[in-house]
Amino acid sequence: MIILGIDPGIANTGYGLIKADSSRVTPLGFGCIRTTPKDESAQRLKIIYDELIQLATEYQPELFVLEDLFFSKNVTSAFAVGEATGVIKLAAANTNRQVYSYPPVQIKQAVVGYGKATKRQIQEMVKVLLGLKEIPRPDHAADALATAICHARSHKVLQLRERLRQS
């Protein structure tokens, strides 16, 4: 299964593509979609959308996985990330892919084994789990890869729950 993990943001949307086979994960690509504040919001969202469509076309992921929106103080940032998340979900829908999302604590738990892991601990584990020589840069790409790894480790449980619900 090819998974496109995404760390949503209006200025920087991290992405990470992995291939998951049983218990093994292999990196396929990662990076960051960058927009500039001098562009209007609509143009920035279009850039994110277009890049995601291009990634979906090139790598053919089976699904998109997002880190859930979590903001405790900056409401303006929360709205911008929410807009980016909406565009990401639209890109998934327009390419006929399902979207899954996980809260940060669950991603940390799945990747590091500890729900309060530091950013550095997550980056180190992403490097180790994917067999990379260096920590993925920028940070948003490492977060996106962690999100994809979380889904690779969680999807079997999700499938089992769905089967139980249908029976």
N, C-alpha and C. Protein backbone atom coordinates (compact mmCIF):
# COMPACT_ATOMS: atom_id res chain seq x y z
N MET A 1 0.84 -1.17 0.00
CA MET A 1 0.00 0.00 0.00
C MET A 1 0.89 1.24 0.00
N ILE A 2 0.58 2.19 -0.86
CA ILE A 2 1.30 3.47 -0.88
C ILE A 2 0.44 4.50 -0.13
N ILE A 3 1.08 5.18 0.81
CA ILE A 3 0.40 6.13 1.68
C ILE A 3 1.02 7.51 1.50
N LEU A 4 0.17 8.52 1.33
CA LEU A 4 0.61 9.90 1.28
C LEU A 4 0.27 10.56 2.62
N GLY A 5 1.29 10.78 3.43
CA GLY A 5 1.12 11.47 4.70
C GLY A 5 1.27 12.96 4.49
N ILE A 6 0.46 13.74 5.19
CA ILE A 6 0.46 15.19 4.98
C ILE A 6 0.41 15.91 6.32
N ASP A 7 1.28 16.90 6.47
CA ASP A 7 1.27 17.81 7.62
C ASP A 7 0.75 19.14 7.10
N PRO A 8 -0.56 19.43 7.32
CA PRO A 8 -1.18 20.60 6.70
C PRO A 8 -0.65 21.94 7.23
N GLY A 9 -0.58 22.90 6.34
CA GLY A 9 -0.20 24.26 6.69
C GLY A 9 -0.39 25.15 5.48
N ILE A 10 -0.63 26.43 5.70
CA ILE A 10 -0.82 27.35 4.58
C ILE A 10 0.52 27.78 4.00
N ALA A 11 1.53 27.98 4.84
CA ALA A 11 2.85 28.38 4.36
C ALA A 11 3.70 27.18 3.98
N ASN A 12 3.59 26.11 4.76
CA ASN A 12 4.37 24.90 4.53
C ASN A 12 3.48 23.68 4.75
N THR A 13 3.23 22.95 3.70
CA THR A 13 2.50 21.69 3.80
C THR A 13 3.50 20.58 3.55
N GLY A 14 3.82 19.85 4.61
CA GLY A 14 4.76 18.75 4.47
C GLY A 14 4.07 17.54 3.87
N TYR A 15 4.83 16.77 3.08
CA TYR A 15 4.29 15.52 2.54
C TYR A 15 5.35 14.43 2.63
N GLY A 16 4.88 13.22 2.78
CA GLY A 16 5.76 12.07 2.83
C GLY A 16 5.05 10.87 2.25
N LEU A 17 5.71 10.21 1.34
CA LEU A 17 5.13 9.03 0.69
C LEU A 17 5.91 7.80 1.13
N ILE A 18 5.16 6.79 1.57
CA ILE A 18 5.80 5.54 1.95
C ILE A 18 5.06 4.38 1.30
N LYS A 19 5.77 3.28 1.18
CA LYS A 19 5.16 2.03 0.76
C LYS A 19 5.16 1.14 1.99
N ALA A 20 3.99 0.60 2.34
CA ALA A 20 3.86 -0.25 3.52
C ALA A 20 3.51 -1.67 3.07
N ASP A 21 4.37 -2.60 3.42
CA ASP A 21 4.15 -4.02 3.16
C ASP A 21 4.24 -4.76 4.48
N SER A 22 3.16 -5.34 4.91
CA SER A 22 3.04 -6.00 6.22
C SER A 22 3.65 -5.12 7.30
N SER A 23 4.81 -5.46 7.83
CA SER A 23 5.39 -4.65 8.91
C SER A 23 6.54 -3.76 8.43
N ARG A 24 6.82 -3.75 7.14
CA ARG A 24 7.94 -2.97 6.60
C ARG A 24 7.44 -1.71 5.92
N VAL A 25 8.14 -0.59 6.16
CA VAL A 25 7.82 0.67 5.49
C VAL A 25 9.04 1.16 4.74
N THR A 26 8.82 1.64 3.53
CA THR A 26 9.90 2.10 2.67
C THR A 26 9.57 3.52 2.20
N PRO A 27 10.53 4.44 2.29
CA PRO A 27 10.26 5.80 1.81
C PRO A 27 10.25 5.86 0.28
N LEU A 28 9.31 6.62 -0.25
CA LEU A 28 9.24 6.84 -1.70
C LEU A 28 9.58 8.28 -2.06
N GLY A 29 9.34 9.19 -1.14
CA GLY A 29 9.62 10.60 -1.39
C GLY A 29 9.04 11.45 -0.28
N PHE A 30 9.60 12.62 -0.13
CA PHE A 30 9.10 13.56 0.88
C PHE A 30 9.57 14.95 0.54
N GLY A 31 8.90 15.92 1.12
CA GLY A 31 9.26 17.32 0.87
C GLY A 31 8.23 18.25 1.48
N CYS A 32 8.20 19.45 0.95
CA CYS A 32 7.32 20.47 1.50
C CYS A 32 6.79 21.35 0.37
N ILE A 33 5.50 21.57 0.39
CA ILE A 33 4.87 22.49 -0.55
C ILE A 33 4.88 23.86 0.14
N ARG A 34 5.60 24.80 -0.44
CA ARG A 34 5.76 26.12 0.19
C ARG A 34 4.95 27.16 -0.58
N THR A 35 4.33 28.04 0.20
CA THR A 35 3.65 29.19 -0.40
C THR A 35 4.20 30.44 0.26
N THR A 36 3.96 31.56 -0.37
CA THR A 36 4.50 32.81 0.15
C THR A 36 3.37 33.73 0.64
N PRO A 37 3.59 34.43 1.74
CA PRO A 37 2.56 35.33 2.28
C PRO A 37 2.18 36.46 1.34
N LYS A 38 3.03 36.78 0.36
CA LYS A 38 2.69 37.87 -0.55
C LYS A 38 1.57 37.48 -1.52
N ASP A 39 1.32 36.17 -1.67
CA ASP A 39 0.21 35.72 -2.51
C ASP A 39 -1.08 35.74 -1.71
N GLU A 40 -2.19 35.91 -2.40
CA GLU A 40 -3.49 35.87 -1.75
C GLU A 40 -3.77 34.45 -1.27
N SER A 41 -4.61 34.36 -0.27
CA SER A 41 -4.95 33.07 0.33
C SER A 41 -5.44 32.06 -0.72
N ALA A 42 -6.31 32.49 -1.60
CA ALA A 42 -6.85 31.59 -2.63
C ALA A 42 -5.74 31.02 -3.51
N GLN A 43 -4.77 31.87 -3.87
CA GLN A 43 -3.66 31.42 -4.71
C GLN A 43 -2.79 30.41 -3.96
N ARG A 44 -2.57 30.66 -2.68
CA ARG A 44 -1.77 29.74 -1.85
C ARG A 44 -2.45 28.38 -1.76
N LEU A 45 -3.77 28.38 -1.58
CA LEU A 45 -4.51 27.12 -1.50
C LEU A 45 -4.49 26.38 -2.83
N LYS A 46 -4.53 27.12 -3.93
CA LYS A 46 -4.45 26.51 -5.26
C LYS A 46 -3.10 25.83 -5.46
N ILE A 47 -2.03 26.46 -5.00
CA ILE A 47 -0.69 25.86 -5.11
C ILE A 47 -0.66 24.53 -4.37
N ILE A 48 -1.19 24.51 -3.15
CA ILE A 48 -1.22 23.28 -2.36
C ILE A 48 -2.02 22.20 -3.09
N TYR A 49 -3.20 22.58 -3.57
CA TYR A 49 -4.06 21.64 -4.28
C TYR A 49 -3.35 21.07 -5.51
N ASP A 50 -2.81 21.95 -6.34
CA ASP A 50 -2.16 21.50 -7.58
C ASP A 50 -0.99 20.57 -7.31
N GLU A 51 -0.18 20.89 -6.30
CA GLU A 51 0.96 20.03 -5.96
C GLU A 51 0.51 18.66 -5.48
N LEU A 52 -0.56 18.62 -4.68
CA LEU A 52 -1.07 17.34 -4.20
C LEU A 52 -1.64 16.49 -5.33
N ILE A 53 -2.31 17.14 -6.27
CA ILE A 53 -2.83 16.41 -7.44
C ILE A 53 -1.66 15.82 -8.22
N GLN A 54 -0.59 16.60 -8.36
CA GLN A 54 0.59 16.12 -9.08
C GLN A 54 1.23 14.92 -8.34
N LEU A 55 1.34 15.01 -7.01
CA LEU A 55 1.89 13.90 -6.23
C LEU A 55 1.01 12.65 -6.35
N ALA A 56 -0.30 12.84 -6.29
CA ALA A 56 -1.22 11.71 -6.41
C ALA A 56 -1.11 11.05 -7.78
N THR A 57 -0.94 11.86 -8.81
CA THR A 57 -0.80 11.34 -10.17
C THR A 57 0.53 10.58 -10.33
N GLU A 58 1.59 11.15 -9.80
CA GLU A 58 2.92 10.55 -9.95
C GLU A 58 3.09 9.27 -9.14
N TYR A 59 2.68 9.28 -7.87
CA TYR A 59 2.96 8.15 -6.97
C TYR A 59 1.78 7.19 -6.80
N GLN A 60 0.59 7.59 -7.17
CA GLN A 60 -0.60 6.77 -7.05
C GLN A 60 -0.83 6.21 -5.64
N PRO A 61 -0.83 7.08 -4.61
CA PRO A 61 -1.11 6.58 -3.26
C PRO A 61 -2.54 6.07 -3.17
N GLU A 62 -2.74 5.10 -2.29
CA GLU A 62 -4.09 4.57 -2.11
C GLU A 62 -4.95 5.49 -1.26
N LEU A 63 -4.29 6.31 -0.42
CA LEU A 63 -5.03 7.17 0.48
C LEU A 63 -4.17 8.33 0.96
N PHE A 64 -4.85 9.32 1.53
CA PHE A 64 -4.19 10.48 2.13
C PHE A 64 -4.37 10.37 3.64
N VAL A 65 -3.33 10.70 4.38
CA VAL A 65 -3.40 10.67 5.84
C VAL A 65 -2.93 12.02 6.37
N LEU A 66 -3.73 12.62 7.25
CA LEU A 66 -3.43 13.95 7.79
C LEU A 66 -3.22 13.91 9.29
N GLU A 67 -2.42 14.87 9.75
CA GLU A 67 -2.35 15.12 11.18
C GLU A 67 -3.54 16.02 11.52
N ASP A 68 -4.29 15.63 12.55
CA ASP A 68 -5.44 16.43 12.96
C ASP A 68 -5.00 17.84 13.36
N LEU A 69 -5.90 18.77 13.13
CA LEU A 69 -5.70 20.16 13.51
C LEU A 69 -5.72 20.28 15.03
N PHE A 70 -4.69 20.88 15.59
CA PHE A 70 -4.65 21.11 17.03
C PHE A 70 -4.01 22.46 17.30
N PHE A 71 -4.79 23.40 17.80
CA PHE A 71 -4.28 24.72 18.16
C PHE A 71 -4.90 25.12 19.48
N SER A 72 -4.08 25.64 20.35
CA SER A 72 -4.64 26.05 21.63
C SER A 72 -4.72 27.56 21.78
N LYS A 73 -3.94 28.31 21.00
CA LYS A 73 -3.90 29.75 21.20
C LYS A 73 -4.14 30.58 19.95
N ASN A 74 -3.45 30.30 18.86
CA ASN A 74 -3.48 31.16 17.69
C ASN A 74 -4.64 30.79 16.76
N VAL A 75 -5.76 31.48 16.90
CA VAL A 75 -6.96 31.20 16.14
C VAL A 75 -6.75 31.49 14.65
N THR A 76 -6.01 32.55 14.34
CA THR A 76 -5.75 32.89 12.93
C THR A 76 -5.02 31.76 12.23
N SER A 77 -4.01 31.22 12.88
CA SER A 77 -3.28 30.08 12.31
C SER A 77 -4.20 28.88 12.15
N ALA A 78 -5.06 28.66 13.13
CA ALA A 78 -5.98 27.53 13.07
C ALA A 78 -6.89 27.63 11.85
N PHE A 79 -7.40 28.83 11.56
CA PHE A 79 -8.25 29.01 10.38
C PHE A 79 -7.48 28.73 9.10
N ALA A 80 -6.26 29.22 9.00
CA ALA A 80 -5.45 29.00 7.80
C ALA A 80 -5.15 27.52 7.60
N VAL A 81 -4.80 26.83 8.68
CA VAL A 81 -4.53 25.39 8.58
C VAL A 81 -5.82 24.65 8.23
N GLY A 82 -6.94 25.12 8.78
CA GLY A 82 -8.23 24.52 8.44
C GLY A 82 -8.55 24.65 6.95
N GLU A 83 -8.25 25.81 6.39
CA GLU A 83 -8.45 26.00 4.95
C GLU A 83 -7.57 25.05 4.15
N ALA A 84 -6.30 24.92 4.54
CA ALA A 84 -5.37 24.01 3.86
C ALA A 84 -5.88 22.57 3.97
N THR A 85 -6.38 22.22 5.14
CA THR A 85 -6.91 20.87 5.34
C THR A 85 -8.10 20.62 4.41
N GLY A 86 -8.96 21.61 4.26
CA GLY A 86 -10.09 21.48 3.34
C GLY A 86 -9.65 21.25 1.91
N VAL A 87 -8.63 21.96 1.48
CA VAL A 87 -8.11 21.80 0.12
C VAL A 87 -7.47 20.42 -0.05
N ILE A 88 -6.81 19.95 0.99
CA ILE A 88 -6.20 18.61 0.94
C ILE A 88 -7.30 17.55 0.80
N LYS A 89 -8.36 17.71 1.56
CA LYS A 89 -9.47 16.76 1.46
C LYS A 89 -10.14 16.81 0.10
N LEU A 90 -10.22 18.01 -0.48
CA LEU A 90 -10.78 18.15 -1.82
C LEU A 90 -9.89 17.44 -2.85
N ALA A 91 -8.58 17.59 -2.72
CA ALA A 91 -7.64 16.90 -3.64
C ALA A 91 -7.82 15.39 -3.52
N ALA A 92 -7.98 14.90 -2.30
CA ALA A 92 -8.20 13.47 -2.11
C ALA A 92 -9.51 13.03 -2.77
N ALA A 93 -10.57 13.79 -2.55
CA ALA A 93 -11.87 13.44 -3.13
C ALA A 93 -11.82 13.48 -4.65
N ASN A 94 -11.15 14.47 -5.21
CA ASN A 94 -11.07 14.61 -6.67
C ASN A 94 -10.16 13.57 -7.32
N THR A 95 -9.38 12.85 -6.52
CA THR A 95 -8.55 11.76 -7.05
C THR A 95 -9.05 10.41 -6.52
N ASN A 96 -10.27 10.42 -5.97
CA ASN A 96 -10.93 9.20 -5.49
C ASN A 96 -10.12 8.44 -4.43
N ARG A 97 -9.58 9.19 -3.48
CA ARG A 97 -8.85 8.59 -2.38
C ARG A 97 -9.52 8.89 -1.05
N GLN A 98 -9.45 7.93 -0.15
CA GLN A 98 -9.96 8.14 1.19
C GLN A 98 -8.99 9.00 1.97
N VAL A 99 -9.54 9.67 2.99
CA VAL A 99 -8.73 10.49 3.87
C VAL A 99 -8.88 9.96 5.29
N TYR A 100 -7.75 9.78 5.94
CA TYR A 100 -7.73 9.41 7.35
C TYR A 100 -6.99 10.52 8.10
N SER A 101 -7.29 10.67 9.37
CA SER A 101 -6.55 11.66 10.16
C SER A 101 -6.32 11.10 11.56
N TYR A 102 -5.23 11.56 12.16
CA TYR A 102 -4.83 11.11 13.49
C TYR A 102 -4.42 12.30 14.33
N PRO A 103 -4.75 12.27 15.61
CA PRO A 103 -4.29 13.33 16.50
C PRO A 103 -2.78 13.19 16.75
N PRO A 104 -2.12 14.30 17.04
CA PRO A 104 -0.67 14.26 17.27
C PRO A 104 -0.23 13.22 18.30
N VAL A 105 -0.99 13.06 19.37
CA VAL A 105 -0.59 12.10 20.41
C VAL A 105 -0.59 10.67 19.87
N GLN A 106 -1.53 10.34 18.99
CA GLN A 106 -1.57 8.99 18.41
C GLN A 106 -0.42 8.76 17.44
N ILE A 107 -0.05 9.80 16.69
CA ILE A 107 1.09 9.69 15.77
C ILE A 107 2.37 9.45 16.58
N LYS A 108 2.55 10.21 17.64
CA LYS A 108 3.73 10.04 18.50
C LYS A 108 3.76 8.65 19.10
N GLN A 109 2.63 8.17 19.55
CA GLN A 109 2.54 6.84 20.14
C GLN A 109 2.92 5.77 19.12
N ALA A 110 2.41 5.90 17.89
CA ALA A 110 2.67 4.90 16.86
C ALA A 110 4.12 4.89 16.39
N VAL A 111 4.75 6.06 16.37
CA VAL A 111 6.11 6.17 15.83
C VAL A 111 7.17 5.98 16.91
N VAL A 112 6.95 6.58 18.08
CA VAL A 112 7.97 6.56 19.14
C VAL A 112 7.59 5.59 20.27
N GLY A 113 6.29 5.38 20.45
CA GLY A 113 5.85 4.54 21.56
C GLY A 113 5.53 5.34 22.80
N TYR A 114 5.51 6.67 22.64
CA TYR A 114 5.25 7.56 23.77
C TYR A 114 4.48 8.77 23.24
N GLY A 115 3.28 8.99 23.76
CA GLY A 115 2.39 10.04 23.26
C GLY A 115 2.85 11.46 23.50
N LYS A 116 3.86 11.65 24.36
CA LYS A 116 4.38 12.99 24.62
C LYS A 116 5.82 13.14 24.09
N ALA A 117 6.16 12.37 23.08
CA ALA A 117 7.50 12.42 22.50
C ALA A 117 7.80 13.81 21.95
N THR A 118 9.08 14.17 21.97
CA THR A 118 9.51 15.46 21.43
C THR A 118 9.62 15.38 19.90
N LYS A 119 9.65 16.53 19.29
CA LYS A 119 9.82 16.60 17.83
C LYS A 119 11.09 15.88 17.40
N ARG A 120 12.16 16.08 18.15
CA ARG A 120 13.44 15.43 17.84
C ARG A 120 13.35 13.90 17.93
N GLN A 121 12.64 13.39 18.94
CA GLN A 121 12.47 11.95 19.07
C GLN A 121 11.69 11.38 17.88
N ILE A 122 10.68 12.09 17.46
CA ILE A 122 9.89 11.65 16.30
C ILE A 122 10.76 11.62 15.05
N GLN A 123 11.53 12.68 14.85
CA GLN A 123 12.40 12.76 13.67
C GLN A 123 13.41 11.62 13.66
N GLU A 124 14.00 11.33 14.79
CA GLU A 124 14.99 10.24 14.89
C GLU A 124 14.35 8.89 14.57
N MET A 125 13.15 8.66 15.09
CA MET A 125 12.47 7.38 14.83
C MET A 125 12.04 7.27 13.38
N VAL A 126 11.62 8.35 12.77
CA VAL A 126 11.27 8.33 11.35
C VAL A 126 12.51 7.94 10.55
N LYS A 127 13.63 8.52 10.88
CA LYS A 127 14.90 8.20 10.22
C LYS A 127 15.21 6.71 10.36
N VAL A 128 15.10 6.19 11.57
CA VAL A 128 15.42 4.78 11.83
C VAL A 128 14.43 3.86 11.13
N LEU A 129 13.13 4.12 11.29
CA LEU A 129 12.11 3.24 10.73
C LEU A 129 12.16 3.18 9.20
N LEU A 130 12.56 4.28 8.57
CA LEU A 130 12.62 4.32 7.11
C LEU A 130 14.01 4.02 6.56
N GLY A 131 14.97 3.79 7.45
CA GLY A 131 16.33 3.47 7.01
C GLY A 131 17.02 4.61 6.28
N LEU A 132 16.73 5.84 6.72
CA LEU A 132 17.34 7.02 6.09
C LEU A 132 18.68 7.33 6.75
N LYS A 133 19.57 7.94 6.01
CA LYS A 133 20.87 8.32 6.55
C LYS A 133 20.79 9.55 7.44
N GLU A 134 19.83 10.42 7.14
CA GLU A 134 19.67 11.67 7.90
C GLU A 134 18.19 11.86 8.24
N ILE A 135 17.97 12.73 9.21
CA ILE A 135 16.61 13.11 9.56
C ILE A 135 16.00 13.83 8.36
N PRO A 136 14.77 13.48 7.99
CA PRO A 136 14.13 14.17 6.85
C PRO A 136 13.96 15.66 7.13
N ARG A 137 14.26 16.48 6.15
CA ARG A 137 14.10 17.92 6.25
C ARG A 137 13.20 18.38 5.12
N PRO A 138 12.43 19.40 5.31
CA PRO A 138 12.24 20.17 6.54
C PRO A 138 11.41 19.39 7.55
N ASP A 139 11.22 20.00 8.73
CA ASP A 139 10.48 19.36 9.82
C ASP A 139 9.08 18.92 9.38
N HIS A 140 8.45 19.70 8.53
CA HIS A 140 7.10 19.38 8.08
C HIS A 140 7.08 18.06 7.30
N ALA A 141 8.15 17.78 6.56
CA ALA A 141 8.24 16.52 5.82
C ALA A 141 8.39 15.35 6.79
N ALA A 142 9.19 15.53 7.84
CA ALA A 142 9.35 14.47 8.85
C ALA A 142 8.02 14.21 9.54
N ASP A 143 7.27 15.27 9.84
CA ASP A 143 5.95 15.11 10.46
C ASP A 143 4.99 14.35 9.53
N ALA A 144 5.05 14.66 8.25
CA ALA A 144 4.19 13.98 7.28
C ALA A 144 4.54 12.50 7.17
N LEU A 145 5.83 12.19 7.16
CA LEU A 145 6.26 10.80 7.14
C LEU A 145 5.80 10.07 8.40
N ALA A 146 5.90 10.73 9.54
CA ALA A 146 5.43 10.13 10.80
C ALA A 146 3.94 9.83 10.72
N THR A 147 3.18 10.72 10.11
CA THR A 147 1.75 10.53 9.95
C THR A 147 1.47 9.31 9.08
N ALA A 148 2.22 9.16 7.99
CA ALA A 148 2.06 8.00 7.11
C ALA A 148 2.43 6.70 7.84
N ILE A 149 3.50 6.74 8.61
CA ILE A 149 3.92 5.56 9.38
C ILE A 149 2.83 5.19 10.39
N CYS A 150 2.26 6.19 11.03
CA CYS A 150 1.17 5.95 11.98
C CYS A 150 0.05 5.18 11.31
N HIS A 151 -0.34 5.59 10.12
CA HIS A 151 -1.42 4.89 9.44
C HIS A 151 -1.00 3.47 9.05
N ALA A 152 0.22 3.31 8.59
CA ALA A 152 0.70 1.97 8.22
C ALA A 152 0.60 1.02 9.42
N ARG A 153 0.85 1.55 10.60
CA ARG A 153 0.80 0.73 11.81
C ARG A 153 -0.61 0.59 12.35
N SER A 154 -1.51 1.46 11.95
CA SER A 154 -2.87 1.47 12.51
C SER A 154 -3.94 0.91 11.58
N HIS A 155 -3.66 0.81 10.30
CA HIS A 155 -4.73 0.48 9.36
C HIS A 155 -5.32 -0.91 9.56
N LYS A 156 -4.53 -1.85 10.03
CA LYS A 156 -5.08 -3.20 10.26
C LYS A 156 -6.15 -3.16 11.35
N VAL A 157 -5.93 -2.38 12.38
CA VAL A 157 -6.92 -2.23 13.44
C VAL A 157 -8.18 -1.58 12.87
N LEU A 158 -7.99 -0.56 12.03
CA LEU A 158 -9.14 0.11 11.41
C LEU A 158 -9.95 -0.85 10.54
N GLN A 159 -9.25 -1.70 9.79
CA GLN A 159 -9.93 -2.67 8.94
C GLN A 159 -10.72 -3.68 9.79
N LEU A 160 -10.13 -4.13 10.88
CA LEU A 160 -10.81 -5.05 11.77
C LEU A 160 -12.07 -4.42 12.36
N ARG A 161 -11.95 -3.17 12.80
CA ARG A 161 -13.13 -2.47 13.34
C ARG A 161 -14.24 -2.37 12.31
N GLU A 162 -13.87 -2.08 11.07
CA GLU A 162 -14.86 -1.95 10.00
C GLU A 162 -15.55 -3.28 9.75
N ARG A 163 -14.79 -4.37 9.73
CA ARG A 163 -15.39 -5.69 9.54
C ARG A 163 -16.36 -6.02 10.66
N LEU A 164 -15.98 -5.70 11.88
CA LEU A 164 -16.84 -5.98 13.03
C LEU A 164 -18.12 -5.14 12.97
N ARG A 165 -17.99 -3.93 12.52
CA ARG A 165 -19.15 -3.03 12.39
C ARG A 165 -20.14 -3.55 11.34
N GLN A 166 -19.60 -4.14 10.27
CA GLN A 166 -20.45 -4.64 9.18
C GLN A 166 -21.11 -5.96 9.50
N SER A 167 -20.58 -6.70 10.47
CA SER A 167 -21.16 -8.01 10.79
C SER A 167 -22.21 -7.96 11.87
